[in-house]
């Protein structure tokens, strides 16, 4: 199993230059913002403004910390907070954010429409599930969580992420923190 530590994430400017993102995982390895098939990243949003546009990309946004933001997606508004479900939307439509009360850290999962689909869910711990054929990650959104597979037991701390091996069939996640499950399915 591969563990991605928060301290090791690749940091880079947003595509539109308005902030900074921390890239957790990308496929193909070392793909650029123009040619990835899928990408998992975190962003620190410190001011109101437009989102970067990504042609032919679908995105899911999840608030990790802060009060949240009001999104305007193609002229429709919705509030997204730490308590909200992950929100899925096209990354190639006009989108902007207005902070609801200070800096926010969010998780972004993006997939290229003609290559993959994805799903992000908040887990209710303890969680026990079976794997399917998708690429799967467990992201520790706060505190500490323990991921158990047939091959062993692994601890994640806040903002660490684990890539679950395809050969694993049973997955257990527990602990005092909170976690997200990310599933990426190749078409």
N, C-alpha and C. Protein backbone atom coordinates (compact mmCIF):
# COMPACT_ATOMS: atom_id res chain seq x y z
N UNK A 1 0.85 -1.18 0.00
CA UNK A 1 0.00 0.00 0.00
C UNK A 1 0.89 1.24 0.00
N UNK A 2 0.50 2.23 -0.75
CA UNK A 2 1.27 3.47 -0.80
C UNK A 2 0.60 4.52 0.08
N UNK A 3 1.40 5.14 0.97
CA UNK A 3 0.91 6.21 1.84
C UNK A 3 1.49 7.52 1.33
N UNK A 4 0.63 8.50 1.11
CA UNK A 4 1.04 9.84 0.71
C UNK A 4 0.97 10.71 1.96
N UNK A 5 2.11 11.25 2.40
CA UNK A 5 2.17 12.09 3.60
C UNK A 5 1.95 13.55 3.22
N UNK A 6 1.15 14.23 4.03
CA UNK A 6 0.80 15.63 3.75
C UNK A 6 2.04 16.51 3.60
N UNK A 7 3.06 16.27 4.37
CA UNK A 7 4.28 17.09 4.32
C UNK A 7 5.03 16.93 3.00
N UNK A 8 4.77 15.85 2.27
CA UNK A 8 5.49 15.57 1.03
C UNK A 8 4.75 15.98 -0.24
N UNK A 9 3.55 16.53 -0.13
CA UNK A 9 2.78 16.87 -1.32
C UNK A 9 3.48 17.94 -2.13
N UNK A 10 3.37 17.79 -3.44
CA UNK A 10 3.95 18.76 -4.38
C UNK A 10 3.08 20.03 -4.38
N UNK A 11 3.68 21.15 -4.07
CA UNK A 11 2.96 22.42 -4.02
C UNK A 11 3.22 23.21 -5.30
N UNK A 12 2.13 23.83 -5.81
CA UNK A 12 2.26 24.58 -7.06
C UNK A 12 1.18 25.66 -7.10
N UNK A 13 1.38 26.69 -7.94
CA UNK A 13 0.34 27.71 -8.06
C UNK A 13 -0.88 27.16 -8.78
N UNK A 14 -2.04 27.75 -8.48
CA UNK A 14 -3.25 27.39 -9.21
C UNK A 14 -3.05 27.69 -10.68
N UNK A 15 -3.80 27.02 -11.50
CA UNK A 15 -3.74 27.24 -12.95
C UNK A 15 -4.00 28.71 -13.29
N UNK A 16 -4.94 29.36 -12.54
CA UNK A 16 -5.25 30.78 -12.80
C UNK A 16 -4.38 31.74 -11.99
N UNK A 17 -3.42 31.21 -11.20
CA UNK A 17 -2.50 32.05 -10.44
C UNK A 17 -3.08 32.63 -9.17
N UNK A 18 -4.33 32.30 -8.82
CA UNK A 18 -4.99 32.93 -7.68
C UNK A 18 -4.70 32.33 -6.33
N UNK A 19 -3.91 31.28 -6.24
CA UNK A 19 -3.61 30.64 -4.96
C UNK A 19 -2.65 29.49 -5.14
N UNK A 20 -2.63 28.59 -4.14
CA UNK A 20 -1.71 27.46 -4.17
C UNK A 20 -2.46 26.16 -3.96
N UNK A 21 -2.00 25.12 -4.63
CA UNK A 21 -2.56 23.79 -4.47
C UNK A 21 -1.47 22.82 -4.05
N UNK A 22 -1.88 21.79 -3.34
CA UNK A 22 -0.97 20.71 -2.95
C UNK A 22 -1.44 19.46 -3.66
N UNK A 23 -0.64 18.98 -4.60
CA UNK A 23 -1.00 17.79 -5.37
C UNK A 23 -0.71 16.54 -4.56
N UNK A 24 -1.74 15.72 -4.35
CA UNK A 24 -1.61 14.49 -3.57
C UNK A 24 -1.22 13.33 -4.48
N UNK A 25 -1.98 13.16 -5.55
CA UNK A 25 -1.71 12.07 -6.51
C UNK A 25 -2.24 12.48 -7.87
N UNK A 26 -1.57 11.99 -8.92
CA UNK A 26 -1.97 12.30 -10.28
C UNK A 26 -1.66 11.10 -11.16
N UNK A 27 -2.47 10.93 -12.20
CA UNK A 27 -2.21 9.87 -13.17
C UNK A 27 -2.40 10.44 -14.57
N UNK A 28 -1.49 10.11 -15.50
CA UNK A 28 -0.26 9.39 -15.31
C UNK A 28 0.71 10.15 -14.39
N UNK A 29 1.62 9.39 -13.82
CA UNK A 29 2.61 9.98 -12.91
C UNK A 29 3.31 11.14 -13.62
N UNK A 30 3.46 12.25 -12.92
CA UNK A 30 4.11 13.46 -13.42
C UNK A 30 3.33 14.15 -14.54
N UNK A 31 2.04 13.84 -14.69
CA UNK A 31 1.23 14.54 -15.69
C UNK A 31 1.10 16.01 -15.32
N UNK A 32 0.93 16.84 -16.32
CA UNK A 32 0.74 18.27 -16.10
C UNK A 32 -0.75 18.56 -15.90
N UNK A 33 -1.06 19.83 -15.61
CA UNK A 33 -2.46 20.23 -15.46
C UNK A 33 -3.22 20.09 -16.78
N UNK A 34 -2.51 20.04 -17.89
CA UNK A 34 -3.17 19.94 -19.20
C UNK A 34 -3.43 18.51 -19.65
N UNK A 35 -2.71 17.53 -19.07
CA UNK A 35 -2.85 16.18 -19.62
C UNK A 35 -3.09 15.06 -18.61
N UNK A 36 -3.51 15.39 -17.38
CA UNK A 36 -3.80 14.32 -16.43
C UNK A 36 -5.09 13.61 -16.80
N UNK A 37 -5.18 12.32 -16.41
CA UNK A 37 -6.43 11.57 -16.54
C UNK A 37 -7.25 11.72 -15.26
N UNK A 38 -6.55 11.71 -14.10
CA UNK A 38 -7.20 12.02 -12.84
C UNK A 38 -6.19 12.69 -11.93
N UNK A 39 -6.72 13.46 -10.96
CA UNK A 39 -5.86 14.22 -10.05
C UNK A 39 -6.59 14.41 -8.73
N UNK A 40 -5.85 14.24 -7.62
CA UNK A 40 -6.35 14.52 -6.28
C UNK A 40 -5.45 15.60 -5.70
N UNK A 41 -6.06 16.68 -5.19
CA UNK A 41 -5.27 17.78 -4.64
C UNK A 41 -6.05 18.49 -3.55
N UNK A 42 -5.33 19.32 -2.78
CA UNK A 42 -5.94 20.19 -1.78
C UNK A 42 -5.61 21.63 -2.15
N UNK A 43 -6.52 22.54 -1.85
CA UNK A 43 -6.27 23.95 -2.11
C UNK A 43 -6.56 24.75 -0.85
N UNK A 44 -5.75 25.77 -0.64
CA UNK A 44 -6.01 26.75 0.41
C UNK A 44 -6.63 27.95 -0.28
N UNK A 45 -7.86 28.28 0.11
CA UNK A 45 -8.58 29.39 -0.50
C UNK A 45 -8.65 30.51 0.53
N UNK A 46 -7.93 31.60 0.27
CA UNK A 46 -7.85 32.70 1.24
C UNK A 46 -8.64 33.93 0.82
N UNK A 47 -9.17 33.93 -0.41
CA UNK A 47 -9.95 35.09 -0.86
C UNK A 47 -11.00 34.64 -1.87
N UNK A 48 -12.00 35.49 -2.06
CA UNK A 48 -13.05 35.23 -3.04
C UNK A 48 -12.44 35.28 -4.44
N UNK A 49 -13.06 34.56 -5.38
CA UNK A 49 -12.58 34.67 -6.75
C UNK A 49 -13.00 33.50 -7.61
N UNK A 50 -12.58 33.55 -8.89
CA UNK A 50 -12.95 32.51 -9.85
C UNK A 50 -12.13 31.24 -9.67
N UNK A 51 -12.72 30.12 -10.06
CA UNK A 51 -12.00 28.85 -10.12
C UNK A 51 -11.28 28.76 -11.45
N UNK A 52 -10.20 27.99 -11.48
CA UNK A 52 -9.54 27.68 -12.74
C UNK A 52 -10.47 26.79 -13.56
N UNK A 53 -10.47 26.99 -14.87
CA UNK A 53 -11.27 26.18 -15.76
C UNK A 53 -10.42 25.04 -16.31
N UNK A 54 -10.99 23.84 -16.34
CA UNK A 54 -10.31 22.66 -16.88
C UNK A 54 -11.23 22.02 -17.91
N UNK A 55 -10.86 22.11 -19.19
CA UNK A 55 -11.68 21.56 -20.28
C UNK A 55 -11.81 20.05 -20.14
N UNK A 56 -13.04 19.54 -20.35
CA UNK A 56 -13.33 18.11 -20.36
C UNK A 56 -13.06 17.40 -19.02
N UNK A 57 -13.13 18.17 -17.92
CA UNK A 57 -12.85 17.63 -16.59
C UNK A 57 -14.10 17.74 -15.72
N UNK A 58 -14.35 16.69 -14.92
CA UNK A 58 -15.36 16.73 -13.87
C UNK A 58 -14.63 16.83 -12.53
N UNK A 59 -15.23 17.54 -11.59
CA UNK A 59 -14.56 17.84 -10.32
C UNK A 59 -15.51 17.58 -9.16
N UNK A 60 -14.96 17.14 -8.04
CA UNK A 60 -15.70 17.06 -6.79
C UNK A 60 -14.92 17.85 -5.75
N UNK A 61 -15.62 18.74 -5.06
CA UNK A 61 -15.02 19.62 -4.06
C UNK A 61 -15.58 19.25 -2.69
N UNK A 62 -14.69 19.13 -1.71
CA UNK A 62 -15.08 18.81 -0.34
C UNK A 62 -14.37 19.78 0.59
N UNK A 63 -15.10 20.44 1.49
CA UNK A 63 -14.50 21.36 2.45
C UNK A 63 -13.86 20.54 3.57
N UNK A 64 -12.58 20.82 3.84
CA UNK A 64 -11.85 20.12 4.89
C UNK A 64 -11.75 20.94 6.17
N UNK A 65 -11.57 22.26 6.03
CA UNK A 65 -11.50 23.13 7.21
C UNK A 65 -11.97 24.52 6.84
N UNK A 66 -12.37 25.27 7.83
CA UNK A 66 -12.91 26.61 7.62
C UNK A 66 -14.43 26.55 7.57
N UNK A 67 -15.05 27.73 7.53
CA UNK A 67 -16.51 27.80 7.57
C UNK A 67 -17.16 27.39 6.26
N UNK A 68 -16.43 27.50 5.17
CA UNK A 68 -16.98 27.07 3.89
C UNK A 68 -17.01 28.20 2.88
N UNK A 69 -17.71 27.95 1.79
CA UNK A 69 -17.80 28.94 0.72
C UNK A 69 -19.13 28.82 0.00
N UNK A 70 -19.53 29.93 -0.57
CA UNK A 70 -20.68 29.92 -1.46
C UNK A 70 -20.13 29.80 -2.87
N UNK A 71 -20.55 28.76 -3.57
CA UNK A 71 -20.12 28.56 -4.95
C UNK A 71 -21.18 29.10 -5.89
N UNK A 72 -20.72 29.71 -6.95
CA UNK A 72 -21.60 30.05 -8.06
C UNK A 72 -21.09 29.26 -9.26
N UNK A 73 -21.89 28.28 -9.67
CA UNK A 73 -21.52 27.38 -10.76
C UNK A 73 -22.51 27.61 -11.89
N UNK A 74 -22.01 28.16 -12.97
CA UNK A 74 -22.86 28.44 -14.13
C UNK A 74 -24.14 29.18 -13.71
N UNK A 75 -23.96 30.21 -12.89
CA UNK A 75 -25.00 31.13 -12.39
C UNK A 75 -25.93 30.53 -11.34
N UNK A 76 -25.66 29.32 -10.87
CA UNK A 76 -26.43 28.74 -9.77
C UNK A 76 -25.57 28.79 -8.51
N UNK A 77 -26.19 29.14 -7.38
CA UNK A 77 -25.45 29.30 -6.12
C UNK A 77 -25.78 28.18 -5.14
N UNK A 78 -24.76 27.78 -4.38
CA UNK A 78 -24.96 26.84 -3.29
C UNK A 78 -23.88 27.06 -2.25
N UNK A 79 -24.24 26.81 -1.00
CA UNK A 79 -23.27 26.91 0.10
C UNK A 79 -22.66 25.54 0.32
N UNK A 80 -21.36 25.52 0.47
CA UNK A 80 -20.62 24.29 0.73
C UNK A 80 -19.85 24.50 2.03
N UNK A 81 -20.13 23.66 3.03
CA UNK A 81 -19.49 23.78 4.34
C UNK A 81 -18.83 22.46 4.71
N UNK A 82 -18.19 22.45 5.87
CA UNK A 82 -17.55 21.24 6.37
C UNK A 82 -18.56 20.11 6.56
N UNK A 83 -19.82 20.45 6.81
CA UNK A 83 -20.86 19.44 7.02
C UNK A 83 -21.50 18.97 5.71
N UNK A 84 -21.24 19.66 4.62
CA UNK A 84 -21.86 19.32 3.33
C UNK A 84 -21.28 18.02 2.75
N UNK A 85 -22.09 17.37 1.96
CA UNK A 85 -21.59 16.25 1.18
C UNK A 85 -20.62 16.77 0.12
N UNK A 86 -19.68 15.96 -0.34
CA UNK A 86 -18.82 16.37 -1.45
C UNK A 86 -19.69 16.78 -2.64
N UNK A 87 -19.30 17.86 -3.32
CA UNK A 87 -20.11 18.39 -4.41
C UNK A 87 -19.44 18.15 -5.76
N UNK A 88 -20.15 17.47 -6.66
CA UNK A 88 -19.65 17.10 -7.99
C UNK A 88 -20.17 18.11 -9.02
N UNK A 89 -19.29 18.62 -9.89
CA UNK A 89 -19.70 19.57 -10.93
C UNK A 89 -18.68 19.60 -12.06
N UNK A 90 -19.06 20.09 -13.24
CA UNK A 90 -18.11 20.18 -14.35
C UNK A 90 -17.09 21.29 -14.08
N UNK A 91 -15.82 21.01 -14.34
CA UNK A 91 -14.75 21.99 -14.09
C UNK A 91 -14.54 22.92 -15.26
N UNK A 92 -15.36 22.78 -16.31
CA UNK A 92 -15.20 23.64 -17.48
C UNK A 92 -16.37 24.60 -17.66
N UNK A 93 -17.12 24.84 -16.59
CA UNK A 93 -18.15 25.88 -16.60
C UNK A 93 -17.70 26.99 -15.64
N UNK A 94 -18.18 28.19 -15.87
CA UNK A 94 -17.79 29.33 -15.04
C UNK A 94 -18.16 29.06 -13.59
N UNK A 95 -17.14 29.10 -12.71
CA UNK A 95 -17.34 28.84 -11.28
C UNK A 95 -16.55 29.86 -10.48
N UNK A 96 -17.18 30.40 -9.44
CA UNK A 96 -16.47 31.31 -8.53
C UNK A 96 -16.90 31.00 -7.11
N UNK A 97 -16.10 31.49 -6.15
CA UNK A 97 -16.36 31.21 -4.74
C UNK A 97 -16.34 32.50 -3.94
N UNK A 98 -17.21 32.54 -2.92
CA UNK A 98 -17.20 33.61 -1.94
C UNK A 98 -17.08 32.92 -0.58
N UNK A 99 -16.03 33.27 0.16
CA UNK A 99 -15.79 32.65 1.45
C UNK A 99 -16.88 33.05 2.44
N UNK A 100 -17.25 32.10 3.30
CA UNK A 100 -18.31 32.36 4.29
C UNK A 100 -17.75 32.86 5.62
N UNK A 101 -16.44 32.94 5.75
CA UNK A 101 -15.89 33.39 7.03
C UNK A 101 -14.42 33.06 7.20
N UNK A 102 -13.61 33.41 6.26
CA UNK A 102 -12.18 33.17 6.39
C UNK A 102 -11.68 32.05 5.51
N UNK A 103 -10.40 31.79 5.63
CA UNK A 103 -9.69 30.82 4.80
C UNK A 103 -10.29 29.42 4.90
N UNK A 104 -10.32 28.73 3.77
CA UNK A 104 -10.85 27.37 3.66
C UNK A 104 -9.78 26.48 3.04
N UNK A 105 -9.71 25.25 3.50
CA UNK A 105 -8.92 24.22 2.82
C UNK A 105 -9.92 23.23 2.25
N UNK A 106 -9.76 22.92 0.96
CA UNK A 106 -10.68 21.97 0.33
C UNK A 106 -9.91 20.87 -0.38
N UNK A 107 -10.62 19.78 -0.63
CA UNK A 107 -10.09 18.64 -1.38
C UNK A 107 -10.75 18.66 -2.74
N UNK A 108 -9.94 18.52 -3.79
CA UNK A 108 -10.43 18.47 -5.16
C UNK A 108 -10.07 17.12 -5.77
N UNK A 109 -11.06 16.46 -6.34
CA UNK A 109 -10.81 15.25 -7.12
C UNK A 109 -11.31 15.57 -8.52
N UNK A 110 -10.44 15.37 -9.52
CA UNK A 110 -10.79 15.70 -10.90
C UNK A 110 -10.48 14.53 -11.81
N UNK A 111 -11.39 14.28 -12.76
CA UNK A 111 -11.18 13.21 -13.74
C UNK A 111 -11.54 13.71 -15.13
N UNK A 112 -10.78 13.23 -16.11
CA UNK A 112 -11.04 13.57 -17.51
C UNK A 112 -12.24 12.76 -18.00
N UNK A 113 -13.28 13.45 -18.47
CA UNK A 113 -14.57 12.84 -18.81
C UNK A 113 -14.48 11.64 -19.74
N UNK A 114 -13.67 11.69 -20.74
CA UNK A 114 -13.63 10.58 -21.72
C UNK A 114 -12.71 9.44 -21.27
N UNK A 115 -12.11 9.56 -20.09
CA UNK A 115 -11.17 8.54 -19.59
C UNK A 115 -11.65 7.86 -18.31
N UNK A 116 -12.25 8.62 -17.37
CA UNK A 116 -12.60 8.08 -16.06
C UNK A 116 -13.81 8.78 -15.46
N UNK A 117 -14.32 8.19 -14.41
CA UNK A 117 -15.32 8.81 -13.55
C UNK A 117 -14.81 8.69 -12.12
N UNK A 118 -15.42 9.44 -11.21
CA UNK A 118 -14.99 9.35 -9.82
C UNK A 118 -16.16 9.56 -8.88
N UNK A 119 -15.92 9.18 -7.63
CA UNK A 119 -16.90 9.36 -6.57
C UNK A 119 -16.13 9.64 -5.28
N UNK A 120 -16.63 10.58 -4.48
CA UNK A 120 -16.03 10.91 -3.19
C UNK A 120 -17.13 10.81 -2.15
N UNK A 121 -16.85 10.12 -1.05
CA UNK A 121 -17.84 10.01 0.02
C UNK A 121 -17.18 10.19 1.38
N UNK A 122 -17.92 10.85 2.29
CA UNK A 122 -17.49 10.93 3.68
C UNK A 122 -17.83 9.59 4.33
N UNK A 123 -16.86 9.01 5.03
CA UNK A 123 -17.09 7.72 5.68
C UNK A 123 -17.62 7.90 7.09
N UNK A 124 -18.54 7.04 7.48
CA UNK A 124 -18.98 6.98 8.87
C UNK A 124 -18.12 5.89 9.51
N UNK A 125 -17.31 6.27 10.50
CA UNK A 125 -16.39 5.32 11.12
C UNK A 125 -17.04 4.65 12.32
N UNK A 126 -16.77 3.38 12.56
CA UNK A 126 -15.92 2.51 11.74
C UNK A 126 -16.62 2.13 10.43
N UNK A 127 -15.81 1.92 9.41
CA UNK A 127 -16.28 1.57 8.07
C UNK A 127 -15.66 0.24 7.68
N UNK A 128 -16.50 -0.66 7.18
CA UNK A 128 -15.99 -1.92 6.62
C UNK A 128 -16.62 -2.06 5.24
N UNK A 129 -15.79 -2.29 4.24
CA UNK A 129 -16.29 -2.39 2.88
C UNK A 129 -15.48 -3.35 2.05
N UNK A 130 -16.03 -3.70 0.93
CA UNK A 130 -15.35 -4.56 -0.04
C UNK A 130 -14.87 -3.71 -1.20
N UNK A 131 -13.74 -4.05 -1.71
CA UNK A 131 -13.16 -3.34 -2.85
C UNK A 131 -13.82 -3.80 -4.14
N UNK A 132 -13.79 -2.91 -5.12
CA UNK A 132 -14.21 -3.31 -6.45
C UNK A 132 -13.05 -3.07 -7.41
N UNK A 133 -13.30 -2.95 -8.66
CA UNK A 133 -12.23 -2.83 -9.66
C UNK A 133 -11.68 -1.42 -9.81
N UNK A 134 -12.18 -0.46 -9.06
CA UNK A 134 -11.75 0.94 -9.19
C UNK A 134 -10.43 1.19 -8.46
N UNK A 135 -9.77 2.28 -8.85
CA UNK A 135 -8.63 2.79 -8.08
C UNK A 135 -9.23 3.47 -6.86
N UNK A 136 -8.72 3.16 -5.68
CA UNK A 136 -9.36 3.64 -4.46
C UNK A 136 -8.33 4.25 -3.51
N UNK A 137 -8.75 5.33 -2.85
CA UNK A 137 -7.93 6.03 -1.86
C UNK A 137 -8.75 6.28 -0.60
N UNK A 138 -8.07 6.29 0.54
CA UNK A 138 -8.66 6.75 1.80
C UNK A 138 -7.88 7.99 2.20
N UNK A 139 -8.60 9.09 2.40
CA UNK A 139 -8.00 10.38 2.75
C UNK A 139 -8.43 10.72 4.17
N UNK A 140 -7.46 10.97 5.06
CA UNK A 140 -7.75 11.35 6.44
C UNK A 140 -8.04 12.85 6.46
N UNK A 141 -9.30 13.22 6.66
CA UNK A 141 -9.68 14.63 6.62
C UNK A 141 -9.48 15.35 7.95
N UNK A 142 -9.36 14.60 9.05
CA UNK A 142 -9.02 15.19 10.35
C UNK A 142 -8.60 14.10 11.32
N UNK A 143 -7.79 14.48 12.30
CA UNK A 143 -7.39 13.54 13.35
C UNK A 143 -6.53 12.41 12.84
N UNK A 144 -6.78 11.22 13.37
CA UNK A 144 -6.05 10.01 13.00
C UNK A 144 -7.03 8.92 12.65
N UNK A 145 -6.73 8.18 11.59
CA UNK A 145 -7.54 7.01 11.24
C UNK A 145 -6.61 5.84 10.96
N UNK A 146 -7.15 4.65 11.14
CA UNK A 146 -6.39 3.43 10.88
C UNK A 146 -7.07 2.70 9.72
N UNK A 147 -6.26 2.35 8.73
CA UNK A 147 -6.73 1.60 7.57
C UNK A 147 -6.19 0.18 7.72
N UNK A 148 -7.09 -0.81 7.68
CA UNK A 148 -6.68 -2.20 7.80
C UNK A 148 -7.06 -2.96 6.54
N UNK A 149 -6.09 -3.69 6.01
CA UNK A 149 -6.27 -4.55 4.84
C UNK A 149 -5.71 -5.92 5.17
N UNK A 150 -5.83 -6.84 4.24
CA UNK A 150 -5.24 -8.16 4.45
C UNK A 150 -3.73 -8.07 4.66
N UNK A 151 -3.09 -7.07 4.06
CA UNK A 151 -1.63 -6.96 4.12
C UNK A 151 -1.12 -6.21 5.36
N UNK A 152 -2.01 -5.64 6.15
CA UNK A 152 -1.55 -4.96 7.35
C UNK A 152 -2.43 -3.81 7.79
N UNK A 153 -1.92 -3.10 8.79
CA UNK A 153 -2.62 -1.99 9.44
C UNK A 153 -1.77 -0.74 9.27
N UNK A 154 -2.39 0.35 8.82
CA UNK A 154 -1.66 1.57 8.51
C UNK A 154 -2.36 2.77 9.14
N UNK A 155 -1.60 3.66 9.78
CA UNK A 155 -2.18 4.83 10.41
C UNK A 155 -1.97 6.06 9.54
N UNK A 156 -3.05 6.83 9.39
CA UNK A 156 -3.00 8.09 8.65
C UNK A 156 -3.28 9.23 9.62
N UNK A 157 -2.56 10.33 9.43
CA UNK A 157 -2.82 11.54 10.20
C UNK A 157 -3.48 12.56 9.29
N UNK A 158 -3.92 13.68 9.86
CA UNK A 158 -4.65 14.69 9.10
C UNK A 158 -3.99 14.99 7.77
N UNK A 159 -4.77 14.88 6.70
CA UNK A 159 -4.44 15.15 5.31
C UNK A 159 -3.49 14.13 4.67
N UNK A 160 -3.17 13.02 5.35
CA UNK A 160 -2.47 11.92 4.71
C UNK A 160 -3.48 11.14 3.86
N UNK A 161 -2.97 10.40 2.89
CA UNK A 161 -3.83 9.66 1.97
C UNK A 161 -3.21 8.30 1.68
N UNK A 162 -4.03 7.28 1.59
CA UNK A 162 -3.55 5.92 1.31
C UNK A 162 -4.15 5.44 -0.01
N UNK A 163 -3.30 4.93 -0.89
CA UNK A 163 -3.74 4.28 -2.12
C UNK A 163 -3.97 2.81 -1.79
N UNK A 164 -5.18 2.33 -1.96
CA UNK A 164 -5.52 0.95 -1.61
C UNK A 164 -5.14 0.04 -2.77
N UNK A 165 -4.33 -1.01 -2.50
CA UNK A 165 -3.92 -1.91 -3.59
C UNK A 165 -5.11 -2.62 -4.24
N UNK A 166 -5.04 -2.79 -5.55
CA UNK A 166 -6.13 -3.46 -6.28
C UNK A 166 -6.36 -4.89 -5.80
N UNK A 167 -5.31 -5.54 -5.32
CA UNK A 167 -5.47 -6.94 -4.90
C UNK A 167 -6.16 -7.07 -3.55
N UNK A 168 -6.34 -5.99 -2.81
CA UNK A 168 -7.06 -6.04 -1.53
C UNK A 168 -8.55 -6.20 -1.80
N UNK A 169 -9.21 -7.01 -1.00
CA UNK A 169 -10.64 -7.22 -1.19
C UNK A 169 -11.45 -6.68 -0.01
N UNK A 170 -10.86 -6.61 1.16
CA UNK A 170 -11.58 -6.15 2.34
C UNK A 170 -10.87 -4.93 2.91
N UNK A 171 -11.65 -3.92 3.27
CA UNK A 171 -11.10 -2.66 3.76
C UNK A 171 -11.83 -2.28 5.03
N UNK A 172 -11.05 -1.90 6.06
CA UNK A 172 -11.63 -1.41 7.30
C UNK A 172 -10.96 -0.08 7.64
N UNK A 173 -11.77 0.91 8.02
CA UNK A 173 -11.25 2.21 8.42
C UNK A 173 -11.88 2.55 9.77
N UNK A 174 -11.04 2.91 10.74
CA UNK A 174 -11.53 3.24 12.08
C UNK A 174 -10.67 4.35 12.66
N UNK A 175 -11.03 4.79 13.86
CA UNK A 175 -10.23 5.80 14.54
C UNK A 175 -11.08 6.94 15.04
N UNK A 176 -10.40 7.91 15.65
CA UNK A 176 -11.10 9.05 16.26
C UNK A 176 -11.23 10.22 15.29
N UNK A 177 -10.65 10.11 14.11
CA UNK A 177 -10.71 11.19 13.14
C UNK A 177 -11.84 11.00 12.15
N UNK A 178 -11.69 11.62 10.99
CA UNK A 178 -12.68 11.46 9.92
C UNK A 178 -11.95 11.16 8.62
N UNK A 179 -12.67 10.53 7.69
CA UNK A 179 -12.02 10.09 6.45
C UNK A 179 -12.97 10.21 5.28
N UNK A 180 -12.36 10.32 4.11
CA UNK A 180 -13.08 10.33 2.83
C UNK A 180 -12.60 9.13 2.03
N UNK A 181 -13.51 8.54 1.27
CA UNK A 181 -13.16 7.46 0.36
C UNK A 181 -13.28 8.00 -1.05
N UNK A 182 -12.22 7.86 -1.85
CA UNK A 182 -12.18 8.35 -3.23
C UNK A 182 -12.08 7.13 -4.15
N UNK A 183 -12.98 7.06 -5.10
CA UNK A 183 -12.99 5.95 -6.05
C UNK A 183 -12.88 6.51 -7.46
N UNK A 184 -11.94 6.00 -8.23
CA UNK A 184 -11.75 6.43 -9.61
C UNK A 184 -11.88 5.21 -10.51
N UNK A 185 -12.83 5.30 -11.44
CA UNK A 185 -13.13 4.17 -12.33
C UNK A 185 -12.70 4.53 -13.75
N UNK A 186 -11.88 3.71 -14.37
CA UNK A 186 -11.49 3.91 -15.76
C UNK A 186 -12.61 3.44 -16.67
N UNK A 187 -12.87 4.24 -17.72
CA UNK A 187 -13.95 3.88 -18.65
C UNK A 187 -13.47 2.86 -19.68
